[in-house]
Amino acid sequence: MSRDDNVKVEGTVVKVHSGGMYQVETDDGRSIRTKLSGRMSRFRIKVLLGDRVTVALSPYDLTHGLIVYRGK
């Protein structure tokens, strides 16, 4: 699957789990379990509680995703 096939949604980090997992609440009220994408962990971009993030979701499973961008 290419990077263009992903569904991108905006949300806020509401909980930080162990093992690099995050709970993100989207703007439409859904809760998504996410982790950092490879580029964000490679460049050591930190994501904290309350940060605005962009999440890339697979069209097959909309409950898990990758954080691809951290807003300010």
N, C-alpha and C. Protein backbone atom coordinates (compact mmCIF):
# COMPACT_ATOMS: atom_id res chain seq x y z
N MET A 1 0.84 -1.16 0.00
CA MET A 1 0.00 0.00 0.00
C MET A 1 0.89 1.24 0.00
N SER A 2 0.57 2.19 -0.83
CA SER A 2 1.40 3.39 -0.91
C SER A 2 0.98 4.40 0.16
N ARG A 3 1.78 5.40 0.31
CA ARG A 3 1.52 6.44 1.30
C ARG A 3 0.31 7.28 0.92
N ASP A 4 -0.03 7.34 -0.36
CA ASP A 4 -1.16 8.15 -0.81
C ASP A 4 -2.50 7.51 -0.50
N ASP A 5 -2.53 6.20 -0.21
CA ASP A 5 -3.78 5.51 0.06
C ASP A 5 -4.29 5.72 1.48
N ASN A 6 -3.48 6.28 2.35
CA ASN A 6 -3.87 6.47 3.75
C ASN A 6 -4.88 7.59 3.89
N VAL A 7 -5.74 7.45 4.90
CA VAL A 7 -6.71 8.48 5.25
C VAL A 7 -6.08 9.34 6.33
N LYS A 8 -6.03 10.66 6.13
CA LYS A 8 -5.41 11.56 7.11
C LYS A 8 -6.49 12.28 7.91
N VAL A 9 -6.35 12.24 9.24
CA VAL A 9 -7.28 12.92 10.13
C VAL A 9 -6.49 13.74 11.14
N GLU A 10 -7.11 14.77 11.67
CA GLU A 10 -6.52 15.63 12.69
C GLU A 10 -7.07 15.23 14.05
N GLY A 11 -6.25 15.38 15.09
CA GLY A 11 -6.71 15.06 16.43
C GLY A 11 -5.79 15.58 17.50
N THR A 12 -6.12 15.25 18.74
CA THR A 12 -5.36 15.69 19.91
C THR A 12 -4.97 14.46 20.72
N VAL A 13 -3.73 14.44 21.20
CA VAL A 13 -3.26 13.34 22.03
C VAL A 13 -3.90 13.48 23.41
N VAL A 14 -4.63 12.44 23.83
CA VAL A 14 -5.32 12.49 25.12
C VAL A 14 -4.69 11.55 26.15
N LYS A 15 -3.91 10.56 25.71
CA LYS A 15 -3.30 9.63 26.65
C LYS A 15 -2.03 9.07 26.04
N VAL A 16 -0.99 8.90 26.87
CA VAL A 16 0.27 8.32 26.43
C VAL A 16 0.41 6.96 27.10
N HIS A 17 0.50 5.91 26.29
CA HIS A 17 0.65 4.54 26.80
C HIS A 17 2.11 4.14 26.76
N SER A 18 2.43 3.04 27.44
CA SER A 18 3.79 2.54 27.41
C SER A 18 4.08 1.91 26.05
N GLY A 19 5.34 1.81 25.72
CA GLY A 19 5.74 1.20 24.45
C GLY A 19 5.60 2.11 23.26
N GLY A 20 5.50 3.40 23.48
CA GLY A 20 5.41 4.34 22.36
C GLY A 20 4.04 4.44 21.73
N MET A 21 3.00 4.01 22.43
CA MET A 21 1.64 4.09 21.91
C MET A 21 0.94 5.33 22.47
N TYR A 22 0.05 5.90 21.66
CA TYR A 22 -0.69 7.10 22.03
C TYR A 22 -2.17 6.89 21.75
N GLN A 23 -3.01 7.53 22.56
CA GLN A 23 -4.45 7.54 22.33
C GLN A 23 -4.79 8.93 21.80
N VAL A 24 -5.36 8.98 20.59
CA VAL A 24 -5.66 10.26 19.94
C VAL A 24 -7.17 10.38 19.79
N GLU A 25 -7.71 11.52 20.20
CA GLU A 25 -9.12 11.84 20.01
C GLU A 25 -9.24 12.73 18.77
N THR A 26 -9.94 12.25 17.76
CA THR A 26 -10.05 13.00 16.51
C THR A 26 -11.07 14.13 16.68
N ASP A 27 -11.10 15.02 15.69
CA ASP A 27 -12.01 16.16 15.74
C ASP A 27 -13.48 15.74 15.69
N ASP A 28 -13.75 14.58 15.08
CA ASP A 28 -15.14 14.11 15.01
C ASP A 28 -15.51 13.21 16.18
N GLY A 29 -14.66 13.07 17.18
CA GLY A 29 -14.99 12.37 18.41
C GLY A 29 -14.55 10.92 18.51
N ARG A 30 -13.90 10.38 17.49
CA ARG A 30 -13.43 8.99 17.54
C ARG A 30 -12.13 8.90 18.33
N SER A 31 -11.88 7.73 18.90
CA SER A 31 -10.66 7.47 19.64
C SER A 31 -9.82 6.47 18.85
N ILE A 32 -8.55 6.82 18.61
CA ILE A 32 -7.67 6.01 17.77
C ILE A 32 -6.41 5.68 18.55
N ARG A 33 -5.98 4.44 18.48
CA ARG A 33 -4.71 4.01 19.09
C ARG A 33 -3.62 4.18 18.03
N THR A 34 -2.58 4.95 18.33
CA THR A 34 -1.57 5.28 17.33
C THR A 34 -0.17 5.06 17.88
N LYS A 35 0.79 5.10 16.96
CA LYS A 35 2.20 5.12 17.32
C LYS A 35 2.91 6.08 16.37
N LEU A 36 4.16 6.39 16.66
CA LEU A 36 4.91 7.31 15.82
C LEU A 36 5.31 6.65 14.51
N SER A 37 5.33 7.43 13.45
CA SER A 37 5.82 6.91 12.18
C SER A 37 7.35 6.79 12.25
N GLY A 38 7.93 6.11 11.30
CA GLY A 38 9.36 5.87 11.30
C GLY A 38 10.19 7.13 11.19
N ARG A 39 9.73 8.08 10.40
CA ARG A 39 10.47 9.33 10.26
C ARG A 39 10.46 10.14 11.54
N MET A 40 9.33 10.16 12.24
CA MET A 40 9.26 10.94 13.48
C MET A 40 10.15 10.33 14.55
N SER A 41 10.22 9.02 14.63
CA SER A 41 11.11 8.43 15.63
C SER A 41 12.57 8.52 15.21
N ARG A 42 12.84 8.50 13.92
CA ARG A 42 14.22 8.62 13.45
C ARG A 42 14.79 10.00 13.75
N PHE A 43 13.98 11.04 13.58
CA PHE A 43 14.43 12.40 13.87
C PHE A 43 14.13 12.84 15.30
N ARG A 44 13.70 11.89 16.13
CA ARG A 44 13.45 12.09 17.57
C ARG A 44 12.50 13.25 17.85
N ILE A 45 11.38 13.28 17.14
CA ILE A 45 10.36 14.29 17.39
C ILE A 45 9.49 13.81 18.54
N LYS A 46 9.39 14.61 19.57
CA LYS A 46 8.64 14.24 20.76
C LYS A 46 7.18 14.65 20.61
N VAL A 47 6.29 13.79 21.05
CA VAL A 47 4.86 14.08 21.08
C VAL A 47 4.41 14.01 22.52
N LEU A 48 3.78 15.07 22.99
CA LEU A 48 3.36 15.17 24.38
C LEU A 48 1.84 15.19 24.49
N LEU A 49 1.36 15.03 25.69
CA LEU A 49 -0.06 15.05 25.98
C LEU A 49 -0.63 16.42 25.60
N GLY A 50 -1.71 16.45 24.84
CA GLY A 50 -2.35 17.69 24.43
C GLY A 50 -1.88 18.24 23.09
N ASP A 51 -0.91 17.61 22.46
CA ASP A 51 -0.42 18.08 21.15
C ASP A 51 -1.44 17.80 20.05
N ARG A 52 -1.50 18.71 19.08
CA ARG A 52 -2.31 18.49 17.88
C ARG A 52 -1.47 17.68 16.91
N VAL A 53 -2.02 16.61 16.36
CA VAL A 53 -1.29 15.73 15.47
C VAL A 53 -2.13 15.39 14.25
N THR A 54 -1.44 14.97 13.19
CA THR A 54 -2.08 14.41 12.01
C THR A 54 -1.80 12.92 12.01
N VAL A 55 -2.86 12.14 11.86
CA VAL A 55 -2.76 10.68 11.92
C VAL A 55 -3.10 10.10 10.56
N ALA A 56 -2.26 9.18 10.08
CA ALA A 56 -2.53 8.47 8.83
C ALA A 56 -3.14 7.12 9.18
N LEU A 57 -4.35 6.88 8.66
CA LEU A 57 -5.07 5.64 8.94
C LEU A 57 -5.14 4.79 7.68
N SER A 58 -5.07 3.49 7.87
CA SER A 58 -5.29 2.57 6.76
C SER A 58 -6.79 2.55 6.45
N PRO A 59 -7.17 2.49 5.18
CA PRO A 59 -8.60 2.43 4.87
C PRO A 59 -9.25 1.11 5.32
N TYR A 60 -8.46 0.11 5.69
CA TYR A 60 -8.99 -1.18 6.11
C TYR A 60 -9.28 -1.25 7.60
N ASP A 61 -8.51 -0.51 8.41
CA ASP A 61 -8.70 -0.52 9.86
C ASP A 61 -8.59 0.91 10.37
N LEU A 62 -9.72 1.51 10.70
CA LEU A 62 -9.74 2.92 11.10
C LEU A 62 -9.55 3.11 12.60
N THR A 63 -9.14 2.07 13.33
CA THR A 63 -8.93 2.20 14.77
C THR A 63 -7.45 2.27 15.14
N HIS A 64 -6.55 2.02 14.20
CA HIS A 64 -5.11 2.09 14.44
C HIS A 64 -4.49 3.00 13.40
N GLY A 65 -3.45 3.75 13.80
CA GLY A 65 -2.84 4.66 12.85
C GLY A 65 -1.41 5.03 13.23
N LEU A 66 -0.83 5.85 12.38
CA LEU A 66 0.52 6.36 12.58
C LEU A 66 0.46 7.88 12.69
N ILE A 67 1.18 8.43 13.67
CA ILE A 67 1.29 9.88 13.77
C ILE A 67 2.34 10.33 12.77
N VAL A 68 1.94 11.15 11.81
CA VAL A 68 2.86 11.57 10.76
C VAL A 68 3.26 13.04 10.88
N TYR A 69 2.55 13.83 11.68
CA TYR A 69 2.88 15.25 11.82
C TYR A 69 2.45 15.74 13.19
N ARG A 70 3.29 16.54 13.81
CA ARG A 70 2.99 17.16 15.10
C ARG A 70 2.80 18.64 14.90
N GLY A 71 1.63 19.15 15.21
CA GLY A 71 1.35 20.57 15.10
C GLY A 71 1.94 21.33 16.27
N LYS A 72 1.88 22.65 16.20
CA LYS A 72 2.46 23.47 17.25
C LYS A 72 1.42 23.97 18.21
